PDB file of N, CA and C in Angstrom:
ATOM      1  N   UNK A   1       0.837  -1.160   0.000  1.00  0.00           N
ATOM      2  CA  UNK A   1       0.000   0.000   0.000  1.00  0.00           C
ATOM      3  C   UNK A   1       0.896   1.243   0.000  1.00  0.00           C
ATOM      4  N   UNK A   2       0.632   2.096  -0.955  1.00  0.00           N
ATOM      5  CA  UNK A   2       1.470   3.297  -1.038  1.00  0.00           C
ATOM      6  C   UNK A   2       0.826   4.420  -0.222  1.00  0.00           C
ATOM      7  N   UNK A   3       1.649   5.134   0.438  1.00  0.00           N
ATOM      8  CA  UNK A   3       1.177   6.256   1.249  1.00  0.00           C
ATOM      9  C   UNK A   3       1.836   7.518   0.729  1.00  0.00           C
ATOM     10  N   UNK A   4       1.019   8.545   0.536  1.00  0.00           N
ATOM     11  CA  UNK A   4       1.562   9.823   0.118  1.00  0.00           C
ATOM     12  C   UNK A   4       1.663  10.719   1.331  1.00  0.00           C
ATOM     13  N   UNK A   5       2.706  11.414   1.398  1.00  0.00           N
ATOM     14  CA  UNK A   5       2.850  12.390   2.472  1.00  0.00           C
ATOM     15  C   UNK A   5       2.265  13.717   1.998  1.00  0.00           C
ATOM     16  N   UNK A   6       1.137  14.062   2.575  1.00  0.00           N
ATOM     17  CA  UNK A   6       0.502  15.321   2.207  1.00  0.00           C
ATOM     18  C   UNK A   6       1.127  16.455   2.994  1.00  0.00           C
ATOM     19  N   UNK A   7       1.240  17.593   2.325  1.00  0.00           N
ATOM     20  CA  UNK A   7       1.803  18.743   3.014  1.00  0.00           C
ATOM     21  C   UNK A   7       0.795  19.287   4.006  1.00  0.00           C
ATOM     22  N   UNK A   8       1.294  19.792   5.102  1.00  0.00           N
ATOM     23  CA  UNK A   8       0.422  20.420   6.083  1.00  0.00           C
ATOM     24  C   UNK A   8      -0.074  21.748   5.525  1.00  0.00           C
ATOM     25  N   UNK A   9      -1.361  22.050   5.746  1.00  0.00           N
ATOM     26  CA  UNK A   9      -1.832  23.355   5.274  1.00  0.00           C
ATOM     27  C   UNK A   9      -1.161  24.478   6.067  1.00  0.00           C
ATOM     28  N   UNK A  10      -0.899  25.529   5.368  1.00  0.00           N
ATOM     29  CA  UNK A  10      -0.240  26.669   5.982  1.00  0.00           C
ATOM     30  C   UNK A  10      -1.196  27.341   6.974  1.00  0.00           C
ATOM     31  N   UNK A  11      -0.633  27.949   8.011  1.00  0.00           N
ATOM     32  CA  UNK A  11      -1.465  28.632   9.010  1.00  0.00           C
ATOM     33  C   UNK A  11      -2.208  29.817   8.409  1.00  0.00           C
ATOM     34  N   UNK A  12      -1.678  30.367   7.320  1.00  0.00           N
ATOM     35  CA  UNK A  12      -2.328  31.490   6.654  1.00  0.00           C
ATOM     36  C   UNK A  12      -3.756  31.137   6.231  1.00  0.00           C
ATOM     37  N   UNK A  13      -3.957  29.949   5.715  1.00  0.00           N
ATOM     38  CA  UNK A  13      -5.282  29.554   5.222  1.00  0.00           C
ATOM     39  C   UNK A  13      -6.287  29.442   6.359  1.00  0.00           C
ATOM     40  N   UNK A  14      -5.859  28.925   7.494  1.00  0.00           N
ATOM     41  CA  UNK A  14      -6.765  28.859   8.644  1.00  0.00           C
ATOM     42  C   UNK A  14      -7.146  30.263   9.112  1.00  0.00           C
ATOM     43  N   UNK A  15      -6.152  31.137   9.187  1.00  0.00           N
ATOM     44  CA  UNK A  15      -6.412  32.514   9.590  1.00  0.00           C
ATOM     45  C   UNK A  15      -7.294  33.221   8.571  1.00  0.00           C
ATOM     46  N   UNK A  16      -7.040  32.981   7.289  1.00  0.00           N
ATOM     47  CA  UNK A  16      -7.840  33.585   6.226  1.00  0.00           C
ATOM     48  C   UNK A  16      -9.301  33.157   6.321  1.00  0.00           C
ATOM     49  N   UNK A  17      -9.534  31.884   6.570  1.00  0.00           N
ATOM     50  CA  UNK A  17     -10.907  31.374   6.701  1.00  0.00           C
ATOM     51  C   UNK A  17     -11.607  32.007   7.902  1.00  0.00           C
ATOM     52  N   UNK A  18     -10.908  32.107   9.016  1.00  0.00           N
ATOM     53  CA  UNK A  18     -11.497  32.712  10.213  1.00  0.00           C
ATOM     54  C   UNK A  18     -11.839  34.178   9.961  1.00  0.00           C
ATOM     55  N   UNK A  19     -10.933  34.912   9.313  1.00  0.00           N
ATOM     56  CA  UNK A  19     -11.182  36.333   9.024  1.00  0.00           C
ATOM     57  C   UNK A  19     -12.347  36.488   8.051  1.00  0.00           C
ATOM     58  N   UNK A  20     -12.433  35.648   7.040  1.00  0.00           N
ATOM     59  CA  UNK A  20     -13.533  35.735   6.072  1.00  0.00           C
ATOM     60  C   UNK A  20     -14.881  35.420   6.730  1.00  0.00           C
ATOM     61  N   UNK A  21     -14.918  34.459   7.623  1.00  0.00           N
ATOM     62  CA  UNK A  21     -16.163  34.140   8.327  1.00  0.00           C
ATOM     63  C   UNK A  21     -16.564  35.300   9.230  1.00  0.00           C
ATOM     64  N   UNK A  22     -15.594  35.893   9.927  1.00  0.00           N
ATOM     65  CA  UNK A  22     -15.889  37.047  10.780  1.00  0.00           C
ATOM     66  C   UNK A  22     -16.377  38.222   9.940  1.00  0.00           C
ATOM     67  N   UNK A  23     -15.760  38.448   8.790  1.00  0.00           N
ATOM     68  CA  UNK A  23     -16.186  39.541   7.912  1.00  0.00           C
ATOM     69  C   UNK A  23     -17.594  39.287   7.381  1.00  0.00           C
ATOM     70  N   UNK A  24     -17.913  38.052   7.074  1.00  0.00           N
ATOM     71  CA  UNK A  24     -19.257  37.720   6.583  1.00  0.00           C
ATOM     72  C   UNK A  24     -20.301  37.998   7.663  1.00  0.00           C
ATOM     73  N   UNK A  25     -20.023  37.603   8.899  1.00  0.00           N
ATOM     74  CA  UNK A  25     -20.954  37.893   9.985  1.00  0.00           C
ATOM     75  C   UNK A  25     -21.101  39.395  10.195  1.00  0.00           C
ATOM     76  N   UNK A  26     -20.012  40.133  10.086  1.00  0.00           N
ATOM     77  CA  UNK A  26     -20.058  41.590  10.238  1.00  0.00           C
ATOM     78  C   UNK A  26     -20.913  42.232   9.146  1.00  0.00           C
ATOM     79  N   UNK A  27     -20.758  41.784   7.912  1.00  0.00           N
ATOM     80  CA  UNK A  27     -21.544  42.336   6.800  1.00  0.00           C
ATOM     81  C   UNK A  27     -23.022  42.030   7.001  1.00  0.00           C
ATOM     82  N   UNK A  28     -23.338  40.823   7.399  1.00  0.00           N
ATOM     83  CA  UNK A  28     -24.742  40.459   7.649  1.00  0.00           C
ATOM     84  C   UNK A  28     -25.310  41.320   8.774  1.00  0.00           C
ATOM     85  N   UNK A  29     -24.542  41.524   9.834  1.00  0.00           N
ATOM     86  CA  UNK A  29     -24.994  42.350  10.955  1.00  0.00           C
ATOM     87  C   UNK A  29     -25.225  43.796  10.520  1.00  0.00           C
ATOM     88  N   UNK A  30     -24.318  44.344   9.727  1.00  0.00           N
ATOM     89  CA  UNK A  30     -24.458  45.733   9.269  1.00  0.00           C
ATOM     90  C   UNK A  30     -25.710  45.888   8.414  1.00  0.00           C
ATOM     91  N   UNK A  31     -25.941  44.972   7.484  1.00  0.00           N
ATOM     92  CA  UNK A  31     -27.140  45.056   6.652  1.00  0.00           C
ATOM     93  C   UNK A  31     -28.403  44.899   7.488  1.00  0.00           C
ATOM     94  N   UNK A  32     -28.370  44.035   8.502  1.00  0.00           N
ATOM     95  CA  UNK A  32     -29.529  43.871   9.374  1.00  0.00           C
ATOM     96  C   UNK A  32     -29.824  45.165  10.106  1.00  0.00           C
ATOM     97  N   UNK A  33     -28.797  45.820  10.623  1.00  0.00           N
ATOM     98  CA  UNK A  33     -28.984  47.086  11.344  1.00  0.00           C
ATOM     99  C   UNK A  33     -29.524  48.156  10.410  1.00  0.00           C
ATOM    100  N   UNK A  34     -28.995  48.230   9.199  1.00  0.00           N
ATOM    101  CA  UNK A  34     -29.446  49.245   8.241  1.00  0.00           C
ATOM    102  C   UNK A  34     -30.914  49.024   7.881  1.00  0.00           C
ATOM    103  N   UNK A  35     -31.281  47.799   7.563  1.00  0.00           N
ATOM    104  CA  UNK A  35     -32.661  47.541   7.167  1.00  0.00           C
ATOM    105  C   UNK A  35     -33.626  47.690   8.346  1.00  0.00           C
ATOM    106  N   UNK A  36     -33.191  47.359   9.548  1.00  0.00           N
ATOM    107  CA  UNK A  36     -34.034  47.598  10.721  1.00  0.00           C
ATOM    108  C   UNK A  36     -34.252  49.094  10.933  1.00  0.00           C
ATOM    109  N   UNK A  37     -33.220  49.900  10.719  1.00  0.00           N
ATOM    110  CA  UNK A  37     -33.350  51.348  10.871  1.00  0.00           C
ATOM    111  C   UNK A  37     -34.317  51.915   9.834  1.00  0.00           C
ATOM    112  N   UNK A  38     -34.242  51.427   8.612  1.00  0.00           N
ATOM    113  CA  UNK A  38     -35.168  51.885   7.567  1.00  0.00           C
ATOM    114  C   UNK A  38     -36.590  51.480   7.917  1.00  0.00           C
ATOM    115  N   UNK A  39     -36.762  50.255   8.398  1.00  0.00           N
ATOM    116  CA  UNK A  39     -38.098  49.783   8.763  1.00  0.00           C
ATOM    117  C   UNK A  39     -38.679  50.610   9.906  1.00  0.00           C
ATOM    118  N   UNK A  40     -37.868  50.900  10.926  1.00  0.00           N
ATOM    119  CA  UNK A  40     -38.335  51.677  12.071  1.00  0.00           C
ATOM    120  C   UNK A  40     -38.660  53.103  11.658  1.00  0.00           C
ATOM    121  N   UNK A  41     -37.834  53.696  10.783  1.00  0.00           N
ATOM    122  CA  UNK A  41     -38.111  55.064  10.350  1.00  0.00           C
ATOM    123  C   UNK A  41     -39.395  55.125   9.525  1.00  0.00           C
ATOM    124  N   UNK A  42     -39.683  54.092   8.760  1.00  0.00           N
ATOM    125  CA  UNK A  42     -40.935  54.062   8.006  1.00  0.00           C
ATOM    126  C   UNK A  42     -42.129  53.934   8.961  1.00  0.00           C
ATOM    127  N   UNK A  43     -41.961  53.168  10.027  1.00  0.00           N
ATOM    128  CA  UNK A  43     -43.039  53.022  11.007  1.00  0.00           C
ATOM    129  C   UNK A  43     -43.291  54.332  11.743  1.00  0.00           C
ATOM    130  N   UNK A  44     -42.242  55.071  12.054  1.00  0.00           N
ATOM    131  CA  UNK A  44     -42.407  56.345  12.758  1.00  0.00           C
ATOM    132  C   UNK A  44     -43.165  57.339  11.887  1.00  0.00           C
ATOM    133  N   UNK A  45     -42.881  57.334  10.587  1.00  0.00           N
ATOM    134  CA  UNK A  45     -43.564  58.255   9.680  1.00  0.00           C
ATOM    135  C   UNK A  45     -45.057  57.990   9.588  1.00  0.00           C
ATOM    136  N   UNK A  46     -45.472  56.755   9.727  1.00  0.00           N
ATOM    137  CA  UNK A  46     -46.894  56.432   9.620  1.00  0.00           C
ATOM    138  C   UNK A  46     -47.634  56.627  10.940  1.00  0.00           C
ATOM    139  N   UNK A  47     -46.911  56.811  12.038  1.00  0.00           N
ATOM    140  CA  UNK A  47     -47.563  56.955  13.338  1.00  0.00           C
ATOM    141  C   UNK A  47     -48.214  58.315  13.515  1.00  0.00           C
ATOM    142  N   UNK A  48     -47.658  59.324  12.887  1.00  0.00           N
ATOM    143  CA  UNK A  48     -48.148  60.678  13.105  1.00  0.00           C
ATOM    144  C   UNK A  48     -49.141  61.074  12.024  1.00  0.00           C
ATOM    145  N   UNK A  49     -50.196  61.739  12.451  1.00  0.00           N
ATOM    146  CA  UNK A  49     -51.139  62.297  11.501  1.00  0.00           C
ATOM    147  C   UNK A  49     -50.850  63.778  11.352  1.00  0.00           C
ATOM    148  N   UNK A  50     -51.533  64.426  10.432  1.00  0.00           N
ATOM    149  CA  UNK A  50     -51.285  65.854  10.198  1.00  0.00           C
ATOM    150  C   UNK A  50     -51.677  66.681  11.412  1.00  0.00           C
ATOM    151  N   UNK A  51     -52.688  66.244  12.146  1.00  0.00           N
ATOM    152  CA  UNK A  51     -53.138  66.983  13.323  1.00  0.00           C
ATOM    153  C   UNK A  51     -52.096  66.903  14.440  1.00  0.00           C
ATOM    154  N   UNK A  52     -51.477  65.750  14.609  1.00  0.00           N
ATOM    155  CA  UNK A  52     -50.503  65.572  15.684  1.00  0.00           C
ATOM    156  C   UNK A  52     -49.221  66.353  15.438  1.00  0.00           C
ATOM    157  N   UNK A  53     -48.866  66.614  14.176  1.00  0.00           N
ATOM    158  CA  UNK A  53     -47.612  67.296  13.882  1.00  0.00           C
ATOM    159  C   UNK A  53     -47.672  68.784  14.221  1.00  0.00           C
ATOM    160  N   UNK A  54     -48.833  69.390  14.114  1.00  0.00           N
ATOM    161  CA  UNK A  54     -49.042  70.798  14.445  1.00  0.00           C
ATOM    162  C   UNK A  54     -48.046  71.703  13.727  1.00  0.00           C
ATOM    163  N   UNK A  55     -48.016  71.607  12.415  1.00  0.00           N
ATOM    164  CA  UNK A  55     -47.146  72.456  11.608  1.00  0.00           C
ATOM    165  C   UNK A  55     -47.873  73.755  11.326  1.00  0.00           C
ATOM    166  N   UNK A  56     -47.202  74.858  11.606  1.00  0.00           N
ATOM    167  CA  UNK A  56     -47.761  76.174  11.308  1.00  0.00           C
ATOM    168  C   UNK A  56     -47.485  76.455   9.834  1.00  0.00           C
ATOM    169  N   UNK A  57     -48.521  76.327   9.010  1.00  0.00           N
ATOM    170  CA  UNK A  57     -48.334  76.456   7.572  1.00  0.00           C
ATOM    171  C   UNK A  57     -47.971  77.874   7.167  1.00  0.00           C
ATOM    172  N   UNK A  58     -48.429  78.877   7.913  1.00  0.00           N
ATOM    173  CA  UNK A  58     -48.072  80.256   7.579  1.00  0.00           C
ATOM    174  C   UNK A  58     -46.568  80.476   7.728  1.00  0.00           C
ATOM    175  N   UNK A  59     -46.007  80.014   8.828  1.00  0.00           N
ATOM    176  CA  UNK A  59     -44.570  80.158   9.043  1.00  0.00           C
ATOM    177  C   UNK A  59     -43.778  79.349   8.017  1.00  0.00           C
ATOM    178  N   UNK A  60     -44.285  78.170   7.701  1.00  0.00           N
ATOM    179  CA  UNK A  60     -43.615  77.336   6.721  1.00  0.00           C
ATOM    180  C   UNK A  60     -43.627  77.996   5.343  1.00  0.00           C
ATOM    181  N   UNK A  61     -44.767  78.548   4.958  1.00  0.00           N
ATOM    182  CA  UNK A  61     -44.860  79.227   3.663  1.00  0.00           C
ATOM    183  C   UNK A  61     -43.964  80.457   3.614  1.00  0.00           C
ATOM    184  N   UNK A  62     -43.883  81.192   4.732  1.00  0.00           N
ATOM    185  CA  UNK A  62     -42.998  82.365   4.769  1.00  0.00           C
ATOM    186  C   UNK A  62     -41.541  81.937   4.633  1.00  0.00           C
ATOM    187  N   UNK A  63     -41.170  80.866   5.284  1.00  0.00           N
ATOM    188  CA  UNK A  63     -39.791  80.388   5.204  1.00  0.00           C
ATOM    189  C   UNK A  63     -39.441  79.932   3.789  1.00  0.00           C
ATOM    190  N   UNK A  64     -40.379  79.254   3.137  1.00  0.00           N
ATOM    191  CA  UNK A  64     -40.150  78.824   1.760  1.00  0.00           C
ATOM    192  C   UNK A  64     -40.049  80.041   0.848  1.00  0.00           C
ATOM    193  N   UNK A  65     -40.892  81.029   1.076  1.00  0.00           N
ATOM    194  CA  UNK A  65     -40.877  82.252   0.256  1.00  0.00           C
ATOM    195  C   UNK A  65     -39.536  82.977   0.413  1.00  0.00           C
ATOM    196  N   UNK A  66     -39.053  83.105   1.636  1.00  0.00           N
ATOM    197  CA  UNK A  66     -37.767  83.776   1.875  1.00  0.00           C
ATOM    198  C   UNK A  66     -36.638  83.000   1.196  1.00  0.00           C
ATOM    199  N   UNK A  67     -36.676  81.684   1.265  1.00  0.00           N
ATOM    200  CA  UNK A  67     -35.621  80.867   0.675  1.00  0.00           C
ATOM    201  C   UNK A  67     -35.620  80.945  -0.851  1.00  0.00           C
ATOM    202  N   UNK A  68     -36.813  81.004  -1.451  1.00  0.00           N
ATOM    203  CA  UNK A  68     -36.871  81.025  -2.913  1.00  0.00           C
ATOM    204  C   UNK A  68     -36.589  82.413  -3.478  1.00  0.00           C
ATOM    205  N   UNK A  69     -36.897  83.463  -2.725  1.00  0.00           N
ATOM    206  CA  UNK A  69     -36.697  84.823  -3.226  1.00  0.00           C
ATOM    207  C   UNK A  69     -35.347  85.403  -2.830  1.00  0.00           C
ATOM    208  N   UNK A  70     -34.542  84.631  -2.156  1.00  0.00           N
ATOM    209  CA  UNK A  70     -33.242  85.117  -1.713  1.00  0.00           C
ATOM    210  C   UNK A  70     -32.357  85.413  -2.916  1.00  0.00           C
ATOM    211  N   UNK A  71     -31.721  86.586  -2.902  1.00  0.00           N
ATOM    212  CA  UNK A  71     -30.880  86.996  -4.004  1.00  0.00           C
ATOM    213  C   UNK A  71     -29.530  86.274  -3.899  1.00  0.00           C
ATOM    214  N   UNK A  72     -29.109  85.719  -5.015  1.00  0.00           N
ATOM    215  CA  UNK A  72     -27.866  84.982  -5.063  1.00  0.00           C
ATOM    216  C   UNK A  72     -26.777  85.919  -5.566  1.00  0.00           C
ATOM    217  N   UNK A  73     -25.677  85.993  -4.829  1.00  0.00           N
ATOM    218  CA  UNK A  73     -24.559  86.826  -5.239  1.00  0.00           C
ATOM    219  C   UNK A  73     -23.754  86.125  -6.324  1.00  0.00           C
ATOM    220  N   UNK A  74     -23.516  86.838  -7.413  1.00  0.00           N
ATOM    221  CA  UNK A  74     -22.723  86.283  -8.500  1.00  0.00           C
ATOM    222  C   UNK A  74     -21.255  86.628  -8.288  1.00  0.00           C
ATOM    223  N   UNK A  75     -20.401  85.652  -8.436  1.00  0.00           N
ATOM    224  CA  UNK A  75     -18.969  85.871  -8.291  1.00  0.00           C
ATOM    225  C   UNK A  75     -18.377  86.222  -9.656  1.00  0.00           C
ATOM    226  N   UNK A  76     -17.529  87.241  -9.668  1.00  0.00           N
ATOM    227  CA  UNK A  76     -16.857  87.626 -10.882  1.00  0.00           C
ATOM    228  C   UNK A  76     -15.442  87.083 -10.850  1.00  0.00           C
ATOM    229  N   UNK A  77     -15.126  86.269 -11.812  1.00  0.00           N
ATOM    230  CA  UNK A  77     -13.792  85.710 -11.907  1.00  0.00           C
ATOM    231  C   UNK A  77     -13.006  86.536 -12.926  1.00  0.00           C
ATOM    232  N   UNK A  78     -11.896  87.070 -12.485  1.00  0.00           N
ATOM    233  CA  UNK A  78     -11.095  87.927 -13.399  1.00  0.00           C
ATOM    234  C   UNK A  78      -9.874  87.208 -13.846  1.00  0.00           C
TER     235      UNK A  78
END
């Protein structure tokens, strides 16, 4: 019976596998946190009605008017 002597795997490959598995778990965790934040923010938006927000439309319209009518300074390049 012939026996082949197989080379031992290098320690780099074991470390590489461990790092890749840790990175995969980190990526999954980050995406879970991001999608949970989006889901929660969508739920918060649907909780409030227009009456509960109590937005003063007159002040809002004045602020929009001031922002749109603001004069823009032109820069002269010489």
